[in-house]
Every structure is written in structure tokens, then in C-alpha cells.
Amino acid sequence: MESITTDEVEVRVETRFLDEHSSPSEDQFVWAYDIEIVNHGAIEVQIISRYWTITNADGAVEVVNGPGVAGKQPVLASGERFSYQSAAPLDTASGIMVGHYVMRTGDNRLLKVAIPPFSLDSPYEDRPHH
């Protein structure tokens, strides 16, 4: 599990390769990732948006951004946590994801909260693409 804390907001990530949803012969590889966000601060925060950069083994970069997480813009009071699960498909057997959330605090400041970089690893060796 990876974890990083920014401005007293902790983001934890756990990933796993989904063999049953992947098709290596067709260059389809899928991972699930579980994210837990914990507000260790004294003031509430609301998740406004997310921004991801996903890089596959060939160096191709995909940017994913949008409002909230999992279709919600949850508010976390002091001490509260929010968890969700998502999936990342790639056309290579490995990759890396990095990103951040934008959160608004109860006193109306905007925070850029880092998501720890995590690698997407699978048991399959990458073959060069032609």
C-alpha cells in the first residue's frame, strides 16, 4: 500500500491486477485500485476534482480529470475517511499512475492533495509493440 499526506489529508492506494478482466493476447490489461482518503486535520474538506496521469510501458500518457471521485464530491469532517474503488485499463502489461485531488476546505481555501504514485504491475512481460 502507498500512502502520502498533504495538508493533513492522507491518501492511501492499494492496487491489484485483474487477471479475469485482462486479455494479454489482445493487449488488454486491467487493474483495480482502492483509494482511501482520511482527513487528519481539524477542518472539513470537500473533494472538488481529480487529476490523473497514466503512463503505459511504451511511454504513452493519458490524462484523466473531472469533478469529484466515483461520481461524488464528498465532504470529510475532521477524522472522517472516504473510500472508493476504480479500475485502470492499459494496452501494456505495466504502467504508472500519478495524480492529485483538488479539495476545498471549510474555510474556503483550495488544497492540491497529492495521490501517491503507484505502479501497475502484472505477471506478463511486456512485448514491444510494432
N, C-alpha and C. Protein backbone atom coordinates (compact mmCIF):
# COMPACT_ATOMS: atom_id res chain seq x y z
N MET A 1 0.84 -1.19 0.00
CA MET A 1 0.00 0.00 0.00
C MET A 1 0.88 1.25 0.00
N GLU A 2 0.49 2.22 -0.83
CA GLU A 2 1.20 3.50 -0.88
C GLU A 2 0.39 4.53 -0.10
N SER A 3 1.10 5.47 0.53
CA SER A 3 0.39 6.50 1.29
C SER A 3 1.17 7.80 1.24
N ILE A 4 0.45 8.92 1.18
CA ILE A 4 1.10 10.23 1.21
C ILE A 4 0.11 11.20 1.89
N THR A 5 0.65 12.15 2.64
CA THR A 5 -0.20 13.11 3.35
C THR A 5 0.16 14.53 2.92
N THR A 6 -0.86 15.29 2.54
CA THR A 6 -0.70 16.70 2.16
C THR A 6 -1.66 17.52 2.99
N ASP A 7 -1.17 18.53 3.68
CA ASP A 7 -2.06 19.41 4.47
C ASP A 7 -3.01 18.61 5.35
N GLU A 8 -2.48 17.57 6.00
CA GLU A 8 -3.23 16.74 6.94
C GLU A 8 -4.31 15.89 6.30
N VAL A 9 -4.29 15.78 4.96
CA VAL A 9 -5.19 14.86 4.27
C VAL A 9 -4.33 13.71 3.72
N GLU A 10 -4.63 12.51 4.20
CA GLU A 10 -3.86 11.34 3.78
C GLU A 10 -4.59 10.61 2.66
N VAL A 11 -3.83 10.20 1.65
CA VAL A 11 -4.39 9.39 0.55
C VAL A 11 -3.62 8.07 0.52
N ARG A 12 -4.37 6.97 0.60
CA ARG A 12 -3.77 5.63 0.56
C ARG A 12 -4.29 4.91 -0.68
N VAL A 13 -3.40 4.18 -1.32
CA VAL A 13 -3.77 3.45 -2.54
C VAL A 13 -3.30 2.02 -2.45
N GLU A 14 -4.16 1.11 -2.85
CA GLU A 14 -3.79 -0.30 -2.98
C GLU A 14 -4.25 -0.77 -4.35
N THR A 15 -3.38 -1.48 -5.07
CA THR A 15 -3.74 -1.92 -6.42
C THR A 15 -3.69 -3.44 -6.51
N ARG A 16 -4.43 -3.96 -7.46
CA ARG A 16 -4.29 -5.38 -7.78
C ARG A 16 -4.62 -5.60 -9.25
N PHE A 17 -3.89 -6.52 -9.84
CA PHE A 17 -4.09 -6.85 -11.24
C PHE A 17 -5.30 -7.75 -11.37
N LEU A 18 -6.17 -7.46 -12.33
CA LEU A 18 -7.39 -8.25 -12.54
C LEU A 18 -7.19 -9.19 -13.73
N ASP A 19 -6.68 -10.36 -13.42
CA ASP A 19 -6.39 -11.34 -14.47
C ASP A 19 -7.66 -11.70 -15.24
N GLU A 20 -8.77 -11.83 -14.50
CA GLU A 20 -10.01 -12.29 -15.14
C GLU A 20 -10.60 -11.25 -16.09
N HIS A 21 -10.20 -9.99 -15.95
CA HIS A 21 -10.71 -8.95 -16.85
C HIS A 21 -9.69 -8.58 -17.92
N SER A 22 -8.54 -9.25 -17.90
CA SER A 22 -7.46 -8.91 -18.82
C SER A 22 -7.38 -9.95 -19.94
N SER A 23 -6.84 -9.50 -21.06
CA SER A 23 -6.67 -10.39 -22.21
C SER A 23 -5.31 -10.09 -22.84
N PRO A 24 -4.24 -10.68 -22.26
CA PRO A 24 -2.89 -10.35 -22.72
C PRO A 24 -2.67 -10.56 -24.21
N SER A 25 -3.31 -11.56 -24.79
CA SER A 25 -3.11 -11.80 -26.23
C SER A 25 -3.68 -10.66 -27.07
N GLU A 26 -4.60 -9.90 -26.48
CA GLU A 26 -5.18 -8.75 -27.19
C GLU A 26 -4.69 -7.43 -26.61
N ASP A 27 -3.61 -7.47 -25.85
CA ASP A 27 -3.03 -6.27 -25.24
C ASP A 27 -4.04 -5.50 -24.39
N GLN A 28 -4.80 -6.24 -23.61
CA GLN A 28 -5.73 -5.62 -22.67
C GLN A 28 -5.36 -6.06 -21.26
N PHE A 29 -5.02 -5.09 -20.42
CA PHE A 29 -4.60 -5.36 -19.05
C PHE A 29 -5.38 -4.41 -18.14
N VAL A 30 -5.96 -4.97 -17.08
CA VAL A 30 -6.82 -4.16 -16.22
C VAL A 30 -6.42 -4.34 -14.76
N TRP A 31 -6.36 -3.20 -14.06
CA TRP A 31 -6.08 -3.20 -12.62
C TRP A 31 -7.23 -2.55 -11.88
N ALA A 32 -7.45 -3.02 -10.65
CA ALA A 32 -8.35 -2.30 -9.74
C ALA A 32 -7.48 -1.54 -8.77
N TYR A 33 -7.96 -0.37 -8.36
CA TYR A 33 -7.26 0.32 -7.29
C TYR A 33 -8.26 0.82 -6.26
N ASP A 34 -7.90 0.62 -4.99
CA ASP A 34 -8.71 1.07 -3.87
C ASP A 34 -8.05 2.30 -3.30
N ILE A 35 -8.85 3.35 -3.12
CA ILE A 35 -8.31 4.58 -2.56
C ILE A 35 -9.06 4.91 -1.28
N GLU A 36 -8.29 5.26 -0.25
CA GLU A 36 -8.89 5.73 0.99
C GLU A 36 -8.32 7.12 1.28
N ILE A 37 -9.21 8.06 1.54
CA ILE A 37 -8.82 9.45 1.84
C ILE A 37 -9.21 9.71 3.29
N VAL A 38 -8.25 10.15 4.10
CA VAL A 38 -8.51 10.37 5.52
C VAL A 38 -8.19 11.82 5.86
N ASN A 39 -9.15 12.49 6.49
CA ASN A 39 -8.94 13.87 6.91
C ASN A 39 -8.42 13.89 8.34
N HIS A 40 -7.10 14.09 8.49
CA HIS A 40 -6.49 14.16 9.83
C HIS A 40 -6.53 15.57 10.38
N GLY A 41 -7.00 16.53 9.59
CA GLY A 41 -7.00 17.93 10.01
C GLY A 41 -8.19 18.27 10.89
N ALA A 42 -8.21 19.48 11.40
CA ALA A 42 -9.29 19.93 12.29
C ALA A 42 -10.46 20.49 11.52
N ILE A 43 -10.29 20.75 10.23
CA ILE A 43 -11.32 21.44 9.45
C ILE A 43 -11.79 20.53 8.32
N GLU A 44 -13.08 20.64 7.96
CA GLU A 44 -13.59 19.74 6.93
C GLU A 44 -13.02 20.09 5.57
N VAL A 45 -12.98 19.07 4.71
CA VAL A 45 -12.55 19.26 3.32
C VAL A 45 -13.57 18.61 2.40
N GLN A 46 -13.72 19.18 1.21
CA GLN A 46 -14.59 18.59 0.18
C GLN A 46 -13.75 18.31 -1.05
N ILE A 47 -13.93 17.10 -1.60
CA ILE A 47 -13.20 16.73 -2.81
C ILE A 47 -13.92 17.35 -4.00
N ILE A 48 -13.24 18.28 -4.68
CA ILE A 48 -13.86 19.01 -5.79
C ILE A 48 -13.58 18.31 -7.12
N SER A 49 -12.33 17.92 -7.33
CA SER A 49 -11.98 17.30 -8.61
C SER A 49 -10.76 16.41 -8.46
N ARG A 50 -10.51 15.62 -9.52
CA ARG A 50 -9.35 14.73 -9.54
C ARG A 50 -8.60 14.94 -10.84
N TYR A 51 -7.33 14.65 -10.80
CA TYR A 51 -6.47 14.79 -11.98
C TYR A 51 -5.47 13.65 -11.96
N TRP A 52 -5.48 12.82 -12.97
CA TRP A 52 -4.58 11.66 -13.07
C TRP A 52 -3.74 11.76 -14.33
N THR A 53 -2.52 11.27 -14.23
CA THR A 53 -1.71 10.99 -15.40
C THR A 53 -1.36 9.51 -15.38
N ILE A 54 -1.74 8.80 -16.43
CA ILE A 54 -1.49 7.36 -16.53
C ILE A 54 -0.50 7.14 -17.67
N THR A 55 0.63 6.53 -17.37
CA THR A 55 1.67 6.30 -18.38
C THR A 55 1.84 4.80 -18.56
N ASN A 56 1.74 4.33 -19.81
CA ASN A 56 1.92 2.89 -20.02
C ASN A 56 3.39 2.57 -20.26
N ALA A 57 3.67 1.29 -20.46
CA ALA A 57 5.07 0.85 -20.58
C ALA A 57 5.75 1.39 -21.83
N ASP A 58 4.97 1.82 -22.81
CA ASP A 58 5.55 2.41 -24.02
C ASP A 58 5.78 3.91 -23.88
N GLY A 59 5.40 4.47 -22.71
CA GLY A 59 5.58 5.89 -22.50
C GLY A 59 4.40 6.74 -22.97
N ALA A 60 3.33 6.09 -23.44
CA ALA A 60 2.14 6.84 -23.85
C ALA A 60 1.42 7.35 -22.60
N VAL A 61 1.04 8.62 -22.63
CA VAL A 61 0.44 9.26 -21.45
C VAL A 61 -1.03 9.56 -21.71
N GLU A 62 -1.85 9.19 -20.74
CA GLU A 62 -3.27 9.52 -20.80
C GLU A 62 -3.58 10.38 -19.58
N VAL A 63 -4.29 11.47 -19.80
CA VAL A 63 -4.68 12.35 -18.69
C VAL A 63 -6.16 12.17 -18.44
N VAL A 64 -6.51 11.95 -17.17
CA VAL A 64 -7.90 11.77 -16.77
C VAL A 64 -8.21 12.83 -15.73
N ASN A 65 -9.20 13.67 -15.99
CA ASN A 65 -9.58 14.61 -14.94
C ASN A 65 -11.08 14.83 -14.98
N GLY A 66 -11.62 15.31 -13.88
CA GLY A 66 -13.05 15.53 -13.83
C GLY A 66 -13.48 15.86 -12.41
N PRO A 67 -14.76 16.16 -12.27
CA PRO A 67 -15.26 16.53 -10.95
C PRO A 67 -15.33 15.34 -10.02
N GLY A 68 -14.99 15.57 -8.76
CA GLY A 68 -15.21 14.59 -7.71
C GLY A 68 -14.51 13.26 -7.92
N VAL A 69 -14.98 12.27 -7.18
CA VAL A 69 -14.47 10.90 -7.28
C VAL A 69 -15.67 9.96 -7.25
N ALA A 70 -15.64 8.96 -8.10
CA ALA A 70 -16.72 7.96 -8.14
C ALA A 70 -18.09 8.64 -8.23
N GLY A 71 -18.16 9.74 -8.98
CA GLY A 71 -19.43 10.43 -9.17
C GLY A 71 -19.90 11.26 -7.99
N LYS A 72 -19.06 11.40 -6.97
CA LYS A 72 -19.45 12.17 -5.79
C LYS A 72 -18.44 13.28 -5.52
N GLN A 73 -18.86 14.26 -4.74
CA GLN A 73 -17.94 15.28 -4.22
C GLN A 73 -18.07 15.28 -2.70
N PRO A 74 -17.54 14.21 -2.08
CA PRO A 74 -17.80 14.02 -0.65
C PRO A 74 -17.13 15.07 0.23
N VAL A 75 -17.80 15.35 1.35
CA VAL A 75 -17.25 16.23 2.37
C VAL A 75 -16.76 15.34 3.51
N LEU A 76 -15.51 15.55 3.92
CA LEU A 76 -14.94 14.78 5.03
C LEU A 76 -14.73 15.71 6.22
N ALA A 77 -15.51 15.47 7.28
CA ALA A 77 -15.29 16.23 8.51
C ALA A 77 -13.97 15.78 9.14
N SER A 78 -13.53 16.50 10.14
CA SER A 78 -12.30 16.14 10.84
C SER A 78 -12.39 14.69 11.31
N GLY A 79 -11.36 13.89 10.96
CA GLY A 79 -11.32 12.49 11.40
C GLY A 79 -12.07 11.53 10.50
N GLU A 80 -12.81 12.02 9.51
CA GLU A 80 -13.57 11.12 8.65
C GLU A 80 -12.71 10.59 7.51
N ARG A 81 -13.18 9.50 6.93
CA ARG A 81 -12.49 8.89 5.79
C ARG A 81 -13.51 8.56 4.70
N PHE A 82 -13.02 8.50 3.47
CA PHE A 82 -13.87 8.16 2.33
C PHE A 82 -13.08 7.17 1.48
N SER A 83 -13.73 6.07 1.11
CA SER A 83 -13.06 5.05 0.30
C SER A 83 -13.84 4.84 -1.00
N TYR A 84 -13.12 4.54 -2.06
CA TYR A 84 -13.78 4.15 -3.29
C TYR A 84 -12.84 3.26 -4.08
N GLN A 85 -13.41 2.60 -5.08
CA GLN A 85 -12.62 1.71 -5.92
C GLN A 85 -12.82 2.11 -7.37
N SER A 86 -11.76 2.01 -8.14
CA SER A 86 -11.88 2.27 -9.56
C SER A 86 -11.00 1.27 -10.30
N ALA A 87 -10.95 1.40 -11.62
CA ALA A 87 -10.16 0.48 -12.42
C ALA A 87 -9.37 1.26 -13.46
N ALA A 88 -8.25 0.69 -13.86
CA ALA A 88 -7.41 1.32 -14.87
C ALA A 88 -7.07 0.27 -15.93
N PRO A 89 -7.52 0.48 -17.17
CA PRO A 89 -7.12 -0.41 -18.26
C PRO A 89 -5.92 0.16 -19.01
N LEU A 90 -5.02 -0.73 -19.41
CA LEU A 90 -3.88 -0.32 -20.23
C LEU A 90 -3.72 -1.30 -21.38
N ASP A 91 -2.99 -0.88 -22.41
CA ASP A 91 -2.68 -1.80 -23.50
C ASP A 91 -1.25 -2.33 -23.39
N THR A 92 -0.62 -2.12 -22.23
CA THR A 92 0.69 -2.73 -21.96
C THR A 92 0.59 -3.44 -20.61
N ALA A 93 1.54 -4.32 -20.34
CA ALA A 93 1.48 -5.17 -19.14
C ALA A 93 1.89 -4.44 -17.87
N SER A 94 2.28 -3.18 -17.99
CA SER A 94 2.60 -2.41 -16.79
C SER A 94 2.44 -0.93 -17.09
N GLY A 95 2.46 -0.14 -16.02
CA GLY A 95 2.34 1.30 -16.19
C GLY A 95 2.49 1.97 -14.84
N ILE A 96 2.26 3.28 -14.81
CA ILE A 96 2.34 4.02 -13.57
C ILE A 96 1.27 5.10 -13.57
N MET A 97 0.69 5.34 -12.39
CA MET A 97 -0.32 6.39 -12.24
C MET A 97 0.14 7.39 -11.20
N VAL A 98 -0.02 8.67 -11.50
CA VAL A 98 0.24 9.73 -10.53
C VAL A 98 -0.92 10.72 -10.63
N GLY A 99 -1.12 11.48 -9.58
CA GLY A 99 -2.21 12.43 -9.66
C GLY A 99 -2.38 13.24 -8.40
N HIS A 100 -3.48 14.02 -8.41
CA HIS A 100 -3.82 14.80 -7.22
C HIS A 100 -5.32 15.09 -7.22
N TYR A 101 -5.79 15.45 -6.04
CA TYR A 101 -7.16 15.94 -5.89
C TYR A 101 -7.11 17.43 -5.61
N VAL A 102 -8.14 18.13 -6.05
CA VAL A 102 -8.34 19.49 -5.58
C VAL A 102 -9.46 19.44 -4.54
N MET A 103 -9.18 19.98 -3.36
CA MET A 103 -10.16 19.97 -2.27
C MET A 103 -10.37 21.40 -1.80
N ARG A 104 -11.61 21.64 -1.33
CA ARG A 104 -11.92 22.94 -0.74
C ARG A 104 -12.11 22.73 0.76
N THR A 105 -11.48 23.59 1.54
CA THR A 105 -11.59 23.46 3.00
C THR A 105 -12.83 24.21 3.49
N GLY A 106 -13.21 23.90 4.73
CA GLY A 106 -14.36 24.55 5.34
C GLY A 106 -14.19 26.06 5.44
N ASP A 107 -12.92 26.54 5.46
CA ASP A 107 -12.71 28.00 5.49
C ASP A 107 -12.36 28.53 4.09
N ASN A 108 -12.78 27.75 3.07
CA ASN A 108 -12.75 28.21 1.68
C ASN A 108 -11.37 28.39 1.08
N ARG A 109 -10.42 27.57 1.51
CA ARG A 109 -9.14 27.52 0.81
C ARG A 109 -9.17 26.33 -0.14
N LEU A 110 -8.39 26.41 -1.22
CA LEU A 110 -8.25 25.27 -2.13
C LEU A 110 -6.94 24.56 -1.82
N LEU A 111 -7.00 23.26 -1.73
CA LEU A 111 -5.80 22.45 -1.49
C LEU A 111 -5.56 21.56 -2.70
N LYS A 112 -4.29 21.38 -3.02
CA LYS A 112 -3.90 20.38 -4.02
C LYS A 112 -3.31 19.22 -3.23
N VAL A 113 -4.06 18.13 -3.16
CA VAL A 113 -3.69 16.99 -2.31
C VAL A 113 -3.12 15.88 -3.19
N ALA A 114 -1.88 15.52 -2.95
CA ALA A 114 -1.19 14.55 -3.79
C ALA A 114 -1.75 13.14 -3.60
N ILE A 115 -1.79 12.41 -4.70
CA ILE A 115 -2.06 10.97 -4.68
C ILE A 115 -0.70 10.29 -4.85
N PRO A 116 -0.36 9.33 -4.00
CA PRO A 116 0.97 8.73 -4.14
C PRO A 116 1.10 8.03 -5.50
N PRO A 117 2.23 8.21 -6.18
CA PRO A 117 2.43 7.49 -7.45
C PRO A 117 2.39 5.99 -7.19
N PHE A 118 1.73 5.26 -8.06
CA PHE A 118 1.75 3.80 -7.88
C PHE A 118 1.91 3.12 -9.22
N SER A 119 2.61 1.99 -9.16
CA SER A 119 2.86 1.28 -10.40
C SER A 119 1.80 0.22 -10.60
N LEU A 120 1.49 0.01 -11.87
CA LEU A 120 0.57 -1.04 -12.28
C LEU A 120 1.43 -2.17 -12.83
N ASP A 121 1.51 -3.24 -12.07
CA ASP A 121 2.37 -4.37 -12.46
C ASP A 121 1.51 -5.59 -12.72
N SER A 122 1.91 -6.38 -13.69
CA SER A 122 1.20 -7.62 -13.96
C SER A 122 2.23 -8.73 -14.13
N PRO A 123 1.77 -9.97 -14.09
CA PRO A 123 2.71 -11.09 -14.26
C PRO A 123 3.19 -11.27 -15.70
N TYR A 124 2.71 -10.43 -16.61
CA TYR A 124 3.05 -10.62 -18.02
C TYR A 124 4.21 -9.73 -18.40
N GLU A 125 5.12 -10.27 -19.16
CA GLU A 125 6.23 -9.49 -19.68
C GLU A 125 5.74 -8.61 -20.81
N ASP A 126 6.23 -7.39 -20.84
CA ASP A 126 5.84 -6.53 -21.95
C ASP A 126 6.57 -6.95 -23.21
N ARG A 127 5.80 -7.08 -24.26
CA ARG A 127 6.39 -7.33 -25.57
C ARG A 127 6.41 -6.00 -26.30
N PRO A 128 7.45 -5.73 -27.05
CA PRO A 128 7.47 -4.47 -27.81
C PRO A 128 6.31 -4.44 -28.80
N HIS A 129 5.73 -3.28 -28.97
CA HIS A 129 4.64 -3.15 -29.95
C HIS A 129 5.22 -2.71 -31.29
N HIS A 130 4.64 -3.27 -32.34
CA HIS A 130 5.11 -2.90 -33.67
C HIS A 130 4.06 -2.09 -34.39
